[in-house]
C-alpha cells in the first residue's frame, strides 16, 4: 500500500531568500554519491522532516528547532544552513541561552519572517535537546550526500555520569495522585454536558496513568488495540517512529474502560477489529479521535482544577499540580511501578525505553531509603550529643 507523501510546504511552511537557499553553501558535498535529489536547504530539510511525518509530536518538536536555526542563520548571520560552521554553532548556543529582546518581544507575530520564535532564554536541558535534534539533522544530510560534514560532530560530548545521575522529578507521588483522582469526583454533574466532561476526564487520566502512554499514543489508540492473551488483557501501542509494543492492562482499567464505553452507548468490552477510538471525540463520535493536543489539554485542566482546590491548604502541592502535564502521568506510572518493586526490566518494556539506564531514572525508592537512613543517623547523633553531661 502506497501512502501519500506529505506536501513539502506543510512540513516546513517558510521561505528563504534565493541568495540564502543553500545552492552555493560552503558545506555542500561535491563528488559524493547523492542519496536525495534536493538542491536547496529547504528541500533537504523537508525531506528529513518527512521521515517523522507519522509521529506528529516528534515532527512538531523537530520542525520548531530547525525553523529557529534557519531564521537565526539567515537573519543574524546572513548564511544558509549549508554554510554553517562550528564557530557559528558556538554563537547559536550562546544565543539560545540569552536571545535578545528583538527575538522575544511578545508583540511580534507567531508567523512570518519576523516571527517571535522564543519566549525567553532556553534552559540547559532545552538547549541540549535543541542541539541534539539539529545534530541529527546534520548527520542525516551528511549521510544523504547533501552536506560534506556535520559541524556539531566536533561538539564536546557529555559523559554518562553528567546526564544520568539526576532522577526524574516531573512526577506525582502516590498521595498526590490520589488527590487528583478525588478532585475529579467533586466535579459538577448536573447537566449532560458536565456529566460528559466528567466521564471523559476521569477516563483520560486513568488511561494515561495505567498504561504510561504518551498523549499522542493515547489519542491514536483504538478499541481493537485492546486484546486478550491467555486470559489477560494487553494493549498494542504504536509509539515514536512507528515502534510497536505491548503494554499490560489491569482488570481495574478494563472495568474503567467498560464504564466509559457504556456511558457512550457502546458495549463494555471492545470487539476484535473495532475501530472506535479508545478516547472518543468531545461529542462522543465513535468515528473521530481526539487530537494529542486535546488529550494534553484535558489533563492540564484536571491538574489545574486540583491545584486550585489545594491553593489554600497545601500551596506547595498546588504549585506542583499547576506544572503537571500528560508526561507527568507517564513518569508517575513508572515511578509508582518501581516503588512497588516491579522488576526494572518489566518497567523498561512497559515504557518501551531503548535503554534500561533511562528506566533507572525512576528508581526513587532507593533514594528515599538513603535519605531515611542518613537523616535517622543524624538524629541519633544529635540525641546522643544532647544526652552528654555538660
Protein backbone atom coordinates (compact mmCIF):
# COMPACT_ATOMS: atom_id res chain seq x y z
CA UNK A 1 0.00 0.00 0.00
CA UNK A 2 1.48 3.36 -1.06
CA UNK A 3 0.99 6.18 1.41
CA UNK A 4 0.56 9.71 0.01
CA UNK A 5 3.63 11.86 0.51
CA UNK A 6 3.09 14.89 2.76
CA UNK A 7 3.04 18.24 0.98
CA UNK A 8 6.53 19.77 1.41
CA UNK A 9 5.15 23.21 2.27
CA UNK A 10 3.00 21.71 5.01
CA UNK A 11 6.07 20.13 6.61
CA UNK A 12 8.01 23.38 6.65
CA UNK A 13 5.88 26.38 5.60
CA UNK A 14 8.60 29.03 5.32
CA UNK A 15 10.52 30.67 2.50
CA UNK A 16 14.14 31.85 2.28
CA UNK A 17 15.82 34.45 0.06
CA UNK A 18 17.18 32.93 -3.16
CA UNK A 19 20.67 34.07 -2.21
CA UNK A 20 20.44 32.04 1.02
CA UNK A 21 18.76 28.88 -0.28
CA UNK A 22 21.93 26.80 0.12
CA UNK A 23 22.68 26.00 -3.50
CA UNK A 24 26.12 27.55 -3.05
CA UNK A 25 26.60 26.54 0.59
CA UNK A 26 30.25 26.17 1.61
CA UNK A 27 29.49 22.85 3.36
CA UNK A 28 27.76 21.27 0.37
CA UNK A 29 29.14 17.88 -0.62
CA UNK A 30 30.84 17.67 -4.01
CA UNK A 31 31.59 14.42 -5.74
CA UNK A 32 29.71 12.33 -3.14
CA UNK A 33 27.13 9.73 -4.10
CA UNK A 34 23.87 11.60 -3.56
CA UNK A 35 21.00 9.72 -1.90
CA UNK A 36 18.48 12.56 -2.28
CA UNK A 37 17.59 14.88 -5.14
CA UNK A 38 17.26 18.06 -3.03
CA UNK A 39 19.04 21.12 -4.43
CA UNK A 40 18.25 23.62 -1.66
CA UNK A 41 18.42 23.58 2.12
CA UNK A 42 14.64 23.79 2.47
CA UNK A 43 14.13 20.84 0.14
CA UNK A 44 16.68 18.78 2.09
CA UNK A 45 15.26 19.71 5.49
CA UNK A 46 11.71 18.97 4.36
CA UNK A 47 12.80 15.51 3.29
CA UNK A 48 14.31 14.94 6.75
CA UNK A 49 11.10 16.09 8.40
CA UNK A 50 9.09 13.78 6.15
CA UNK A 51 10.84 10.85 7.87
CA UNK A 52 8.87 11.81 11.02
CA UNK A 53 5.50 12.51 9.40
CA UNK A 54 3.96 9.51 11.18
CA UNK A 55 4.96 10.92 14.60
CA UNK A 56 3.15 14.27 14.94
CA UNK A 57 4.66 15.19 18.32
CA UNK A 58 8.22 14.48 17.13
CA UNK A 59 7.56 16.31 13.86
CA UNK A 60 6.39 19.45 15.70
CA UNK A 61 9.39 19.40 18.02
CA UNK A 62 11.91 18.89 15.22
CA UNK A 63 10.29 21.47 12.96
CA UNK A 64 10.38 24.09 15.73
CA UNK A 65 14.13 23.68 16.21
CA UNK A 66 15.01 23.71 12.52
CA UNK A 67 12.85 26.82 11.91
CA UNK A 68 14.64 28.58 14.75
CA UNK A 69 18.02 27.73 13.27
CA UNK A 70 17.08 28.65 9.71
CA UNK A 71 15.63 32.03 10.70
CA UNK A 72 18.55 32.82 13.01
CA UNK A 73 21.20 31.80 10.47
CA UNK A 74 19.70 33.79 7.62
CA UNK A 75 18.67 36.82 9.70
CA UNK A 76 21.55 37.11 12.18
CA UNK A 77 24.46 35.73 10.11
CA UNK A 78 23.23 36.12 6.55
CA UNK A 79 24.19 32.50 5.95
CA UNK A 80 22.33 29.48 4.62
CA UNK A 81 22.15 26.36 6.76
CA UNK A 82 24.59 24.58 4.45
CA UNK A 83 27.31 27.17 5.19
CA UNK A 84 27.19 27.00 8.99
CA UNK A 85 30.46 26.19 10.77
CA UNK A 86 31.37 25.02 14.24
CA UNK A 87 32.08 28.64 15.19
CA UNK A 88 28.57 29.59 14.07
CA UNK A 89 27.05 26.93 16.32
CA UNK A 90 29.04 28.19 19.29
CA UNK A 91 27.38 31.55 18.69
CA UNK A 92 23.99 29.87 18.31
CA UNK A 93 24.29 28.01 21.60
CA UNK A 94 25.09 31.29 23.37
CA UNK A 95 22.14 32.89 21.59
CA UNK A 96 19.77 30.13 22.80
CA UNK A 97 20.89 30.83 26.36
CA UNK A 98 20.27 34.58 26.02
CA UNK A 99 18.20 35.65 22.98
CA UNK A 100 17.94 39.41 22.59
CA UNK A 101 14.68 41.29 23.10
CA UNK A 102 14.03 41.65 19.38
CA UNK A 103 13.62 37.84 19.29
CA UNK A 104 11.39 37.54 22.36
CA UNK A 105 9.16 40.64 22.12
CA UNK A 106 5.56 39.49 22.85
CA UNK A 107 4.32 41.98 20.27
CA UNK A 108 5.98 40.02 17.45
CA UNK A 109 3.71 37.75 15.37
CA UNK A 110 3.94 33.97 15.62
CA UNK A 111 4.15 33.62 11.83
CA UNK A 112 6.14 35.19 9.03
CA UNK A 113 9.78 36.14 8.61
CA UNK A 114 9.79 38.50 11.60
CA UNK A 115 8.10 35.96 13.84
CA UNK A 116 8.71 35.51 17.57
CA UNK A 117 10.44 32.15 17.97
CA UNK A 118 11.36 32.41 21.65
CA UNK A 119 9.50 33.26 24.83
CA UNK A 120 12.81 33.78 26.62
CA UNK A 121 16.15 32.06 27.27
CA UNK A 122 16.25 28.27 26.97
CA UNK A 123 17.39 26.27 29.98
CA UNK A 124 20.33 23.89 29.80
CA UNK A 125 18.15 20.86 29.14
CA UNK A 126 16.22 22.60 26.35
CA UNK A 127 19.44 23.82 24.74
CA UNK A 128 20.90 20.32 24.87
CA UNK A 129 17.75 18.91 23.30
CA UNK A 130 17.76 21.55 20.55
CA UNK A 131 21.38 20.90 19.62
CA UNK A 132 20.80 17.15 19.71
CA UNK A 133 17.92 17.47 17.25
CA UNK A 134 19.98 19.66 14.94
CA UNK A 135 22.93 17.28 15.10
CA UNK A 136 20.57 14.51 13.98
CA UNK A 137 19.52 16.68 11.04
CA UNK A 138 23.12 17.31 10.00
CA UNK A 139 24.03 13.63 10.35
CA UNK A 140 21.12 12.82 8.03
CA UNK A 141 22.20 15.39 5.45
CA UNK A 142 25.78 14.12 5.53
CA UNK A 143 24.63 10.51 5.12
CA UNK A 144 22.42 11.65 2.21
CA UNK A 145 25.41 13.14 0.43
CA UNK A 146 23.95 16.64 0.66
CA UNK A 147 26.47 18.07 3.15
CA UNK A 148 30.18 17.40 3.41
CA UNK A 149 30.28 17.29 7.20
CA UNK A 150 28.43 17.85 10.46
CA UNK A 151 29.89 20.84 12.36
CA UNK A 152 28.15 19.61 15.53
CA UNK A 153 30.12 16.37 15.44
CA UNK A 154 33.00 18.39 16.89
CA UNK A 155 30.96 19.36 19.91
CA UNK A 156 32.40 18.20 23.19
CA UNK A 157 30.37 15.23 24.39
CA UNK A 158 28.73 14.86 27.78
CA UNK A 159 29.66 11.87 29.87
CA UNK A 160 27.10 9.40 31.10
CA UNK A 161 27.70 10.48 34.68
CA UNK A 162 26.62 14.05 33.94
CA UNK A 163 23.49 13.11 32.04
CA UNK A 164 22.20 10.12 34.01
CA UNK A 165 22.66 10.97 37.67
CA UNK A 166 19.52 13.01 38.29
CA UNK A 167 16.27 11.21 39.00
CA UNK A 168 13.12 12.11 37.08
CA UNK A 169 11.45 14.91 39.04
CA UNK A 170 8.32 15.57 36.98
CA UNK A 171 6.03 13.05 38.60
CA UNK A 172 3.38 12.86 41.32
CA UNK A 173 3.85 10.76 44.42
CA UNK A 174 1.12 8.24 45.19
CA UNK A 175 -0.62 10.51 47.71
CA UNK A 176 -0.82 13.46 45.34
CA UNK A 177 -2.07 11.21 42.53
CA UNK A 178 -4.92 10.11 44.81
CA UNK A 179 -5.72 13.77 45.47
CA UNK A 180 -6.05 14.32 41.72
CA UNK A 181 -8.43 11.37 41.32
CA UNK A 182 -10.52 12.50 44.29
CA UNK A 183 -10.72 16.06 42.98
CA UNK A 184 -12.33 14.84 39.74
CA UNK A 185 -15.06 13.10 41.76
CA UNK A 186 -16.06 16.50 43.16
CA UNK A 187 -16.80 17.94 39.72
CA UNK A 188 -20.39 19.01 38.98
CA UNK A 189 -22.51 16.51 37.03
CA UNK A 190 -25.90 18.23 36.99
CA UNK A 191 -26.13 18.66 33.20
CA UNK A 192 -25.50 16.24 30.34
CA UNK A 193 -22.51 18.30 29.25
CA UNK A 194 -20.99 18.33 32.75
CA UNK A 195 -21.50 14.58 33.04
CA UNK A 196 -19.85 14.01 29.66
CA UNK A 197 -16.87 16.20 30.63
CA UNK A 198 -16.57 14.37 33.94
CA UNK A 199 -16.63 10.89 32.38
CA UNK A 200 -14.15 11.84 29.66
CA UNK A 201 -11.67 13.47 32.06
CA UNK A 202 -12.00 10.61 34.53
CA UNK A 203 -11.19 8.04 31.81
CA UNK A 204 -8.37 10.02 30.18
CA UNK A 205 -6.45 10.38 33.44
CA UNK A 206 -6.78 6.69 34.32
CA UNK A 207 -5.96 5.56 30.80
CA UNK A 208 -2.77 7.63 30.65
CA UNK A 209 -1.64 6.62 34.12
CA UNK A 210 -2.34 2.87 33.97
CA UNK A 211 -0.77 2.43 30.52
CA UNK A 212 2.01 5.07 30.80
CA UNK A 213 1.23 6.14 27.24
CA UNK A 214 2.32 9.40 25.68
CA UNK A 215 -0.50 11.79 24.76
CA UNK A 216 -0.07 11.07 21.05
CA UNK A 217 -0.17 7.31 21.64
CA UNK A 218 -3.32 7.56 23.73
CA UNK A 219 -5.00 9.83 21.19
CA UNK A 220 -4.45 7.34 18.38
CA UNK A 221 -5.30 4.18 20.37
CA UNK A 222 -8.27 2.16 19.10
CA UNK A 223 -10.63 -0.24 20.83
CA UNK A 224 -9.15 -3.05 18.73
CA UNK A 225 -5.73 -2.36 20.27
CA UNK A 226 -7.02 -3.97 23.49
CA UNK A 227 -6.74 -7.74 23.18
CA UNK A 228 -6.84 -10.87 25.33
CA UNK A 229 -3.95 -13.32 25.51
CA UNK A 230 -4.05 -16.30 27.85
CA UNK A 231 -6.89 -14.68 29.78
CA UNK A 232 -5.05 -11.39 30.33
CA UNK A 233 -5.65 -8.02 28.71
CA UNK A 234 -2.93 -6.24 26.73
CA UNK A 235 -2.74 -3.03 24.73
CA UNK A 236 -0.95 -2.81 21.39
CA UNK A 237 0.87 0.53 21.12
CA UNK A 238 2.46 2.30 18.17
CA UNK A 239 4.99 4.71 19.62
CA UNK A 240 7.74 7.03 18.46
CA UNK A 241 8.97 6.42 14.95
CA UNK A 242 6.34 3.74 14.41
CA UNK A 243 7.91 1.44 17.01
CA UNK A 244 5.39 -1.12 18.24
CA UNK A 245 4.99 -2.53 21.72
CA UNK A 246 2.56 -4.21 24.09
CA UNK A 247 1.54 -2.90 27.50
CA UNK A 248 -0.14 -5.00 30.23
CA UNK A 249 -3.67 -3.81 31.08
CA UNK A 250 -5.18 -4.46 34.51
CA UNK A 251 -8.69 -5.72 35.11
CA UNK A 252 -9.30 -2.48 37.01
CA UNK A 253 -8.51 -0.40 33.93
CA UNK A 254 -10.72 -2.62 31.74
CA UNK A 255 -13.55 -2.01 34.22
CA UNK A 256 -12.99 1.74 33.84
CA UNK A 257 -12.90 1.37 30.06
CA UNK A 258 -16.19 -0.53 30.21
CA UNK A 259 -17.75 2.24 32.29
CA UNK A 260 -16.61 4.90 29.81
CA UNK A 261 -17.85 2.92 26.81
CA UNK A 262 -21.20 2.16 28.43
CA UNK A 263 -21.71 5.86 29.11
CA UNK A 264 -21.40 6.44 25.36
CA UNK A 265 -23.76 3.59 24.47
CA UNK A 266 -21.06 1.10 23.49
CA UNK A 267 -20.66 -2.49 24.72
CA UNK A 268 -18.38 -2.56 27.79
CA UNK A 269 -15.89 -4.94 26.16
CA UNK A 270 -14.31 -3.88 22.86
CA UNK A 271 -14.85 -6.23 19.93
CA UNK A 272 -11.94 -7.63 17.89
CA UNK A 273 -11.28 -5.31 14.98
CA UNK A 274 -13.36 -2.48 16.46
CA UNK A 275 -12.03 0.81 15.10
CA UNK A 276 -13.69 3.22 17.54
CA UNK A 277 -11.17 5.37 19.43
CA UNK A 278 -10.11 4.48 22.95
CA UNK A 279 -10.77 8.16 23.74
CA UNK A 280 -13.82 9.39 21.84
CA UNK A 281 -14.14 12.88 20.43
CA UNK A 282 -15.63 15.62 22.59
CA UNK A 283 -19.09 14.87 21.19
CA UNK A 284 -18.65 11.12 21.72
CA UNK A 285 -18.36 10.39 17.99
CA UNK A 286 -17.11 6.80 17.51
CA UNK A 287 -15.66 7.76 14.14
CA UNK A 288 -13.38 10.53 15.38
CA UNK A 289 -10.27 10.54 17.58
CA UNK A 290 -9.26 13.36 19.88
CA UNK A 291 -6.05 15.07 18.86
CA UNK A 292 -2.93 14.68 21.05
CA UNK A 293 -3.28 18.39 21.90
CA UNK A 294 -6.84 17.82 23.12
CA UNK A 295 -5.70 14.93 25.34
CA UNK A 296 -2.94 17.16 26.72
CA UNK A 297 -5.40 19.99 27.44
CA UNK A 298 -7.83 17.64 29.21
CA UNK A 299 -5.08 16.50 31.57
CA UNK A 300 -3.91 20.09 32.13
CA UNK A 301 -7.46 21.11 33.05
CA UNK A 302 -7.73 18.27 35.57
CA UNK A 303 -4.42 19.23 37.17
CA UNK A 304 -5.33 22.92 37.19
CA UNK A 305 -8.65 22.33 38.95
CA UNK A 306 -6.99 20.07 41.51
CA UNK A 307 -4.31 22.73 42.07
CA UNK A 308 -6.95 25.41 42.64
CA UNK A 309 -8.60 23.27 45.31
CA UNK A 310 -5.25 22.94 47.15
CA UNK A 311 -4.06 26.54 46.94
CA UNK A 312 -5.09 27.43 50.49
CA UNK A 313 -4.44 24.17 52.35
CA UNK A 314 -1.31 22.95 50.53
CA UNK A 315 0.28 25.62 48.31
CA UNK A 316 3.39 23.50 47.59
CA UNK A 317 1.32 20.64 46.18
CA UNK A 318 -0.86 23.13 44.31
CA UNK A 319 2.25 24.56 42.63
CA UNK A 320 3.35 21.06 41.62
CA UNK A 321 -0.03 20.24 40.10
CA UNK A 322 -0.12 23.55 38.25
CA UNK A 323 3.03 22.47 36.39
CA UNK A 324 1.92 18.89 35.72
CA UNK A 325 1.06 17.58 32.25
CA UNK A 326 0.36 14.32 30.44
CA UNK A 327 4.02 13.30 30.53
CA UNK A 328 3.95 13.57 34.32
CA UNK A 329 1.43 10.73 34.32
CA UNK A 330 3.85 8.58 32.32
CA UNK A 331 6.61 9.40 34.80
CA UNK A 332 4.26 8.81 37.74
CA UNK A 333 3.25 5.39 36.44
CA UNK A 334 6.87 4.32 36.05
CA UNK A 335 7.85 5.69 39.47
CA UNK A 336 4.94 4.00 41.22
CA UNK A 337 5.72 0.70 39.50
CA UNK A 338 9.31 0.97 40.67
CA UNK A 339 8.24 1.87 44.23
CA UNK A 340 6.01 -1.22 44.25
CA UNK A 341 9.00 -3.42 43.47
CA UNK A 342 8.25 -4.14 39.80
CA UNK A 343 11.30 -5.56 38.02
CA UNK A 344 13.08 -2.71 36.22
CA UNK A 345 13.23 -4.85 33.06
CA UNK A 346 9.42 -5.03 33.03
CA UNK A 347 9.14 -1.26 33.54
CA UNK A 348 11.56 -0.73 30.66
CA UNK A 349 9.36 -2.83 28.38
CA UNK A 350 6.18 -1.14 29.61
CA UNK A 351 7.59 2.30 28.81
CA UNK A 352 9.31 0.97 25.69
CA UNK A 353 12.64 2.56 26.61
CA UNK A 354 15.56 1.65 24.37
CA UNK A 355 17.97 1.77 27.32
CA UNK A 356 17.49 0.41 30.82
CA UNK A 357 19.57 3.37 32.05
CA UNK A 358 16.68 5.64 31.13
CA UNK A 359 14.29 3.49 33.14
CA UNK A 360 16.68 3.63 36.08
CA UNK A 361 15.90 7.33 36.49
CA UNK A 362 12.55 6.33 38.02
CA UNK A 363 14.03 4.38 40.93
CA UNK A 364 13.16 6.81 43.71
CA UNK A 365 12.70 4.25 46.48
CA UNK A 366 16.46 3.74 46.87
CA UNK A 367 16.91 7.49 47.32
CA UNK A 368 14.09 7.51 49.89
CA UNK A 369 15.78 4.73 51.90
CA UNK A 370 19.15 6.50 51.69
CA UNK A 371 17.57 9.74 52.91
CA UNK A 372 15.76 7.99 55.78
CA UNK A 373 18.90 6.19 56.96
CA UNK A 374 21.06 9.30 56.69
CA UNK A 375 18.66 11.61 58.49
CA UNK A 376 17.93 8.88 61.06
CA UNK A 377 21.64 8.55 61.86
CA UNK A 378 21.97 12.33 62.19
CA UNK A 379 19.04 12.49 64.58
CA UNK A 380 20.51 9.65 66.63
CA UNK A 381 23.80 11.54 66.83
CA UNK A 382 22.04 14.71 67.91
CA UNK A 383 20.12 12.84 70.59
CA UNK A 384 23.32 11.25 71.89
CA UNK A 385 25.06 14.62 71.97
CA UNK A 386 22.23 16.22 73.91
CA UNK A 387 22.42 13.42 76.47
CA UNK A 388 26.12 14.05 77.23
CA UNK A 389 26.88 15.62 80.61
CA UNK A 390 27.51 19.33 80.34
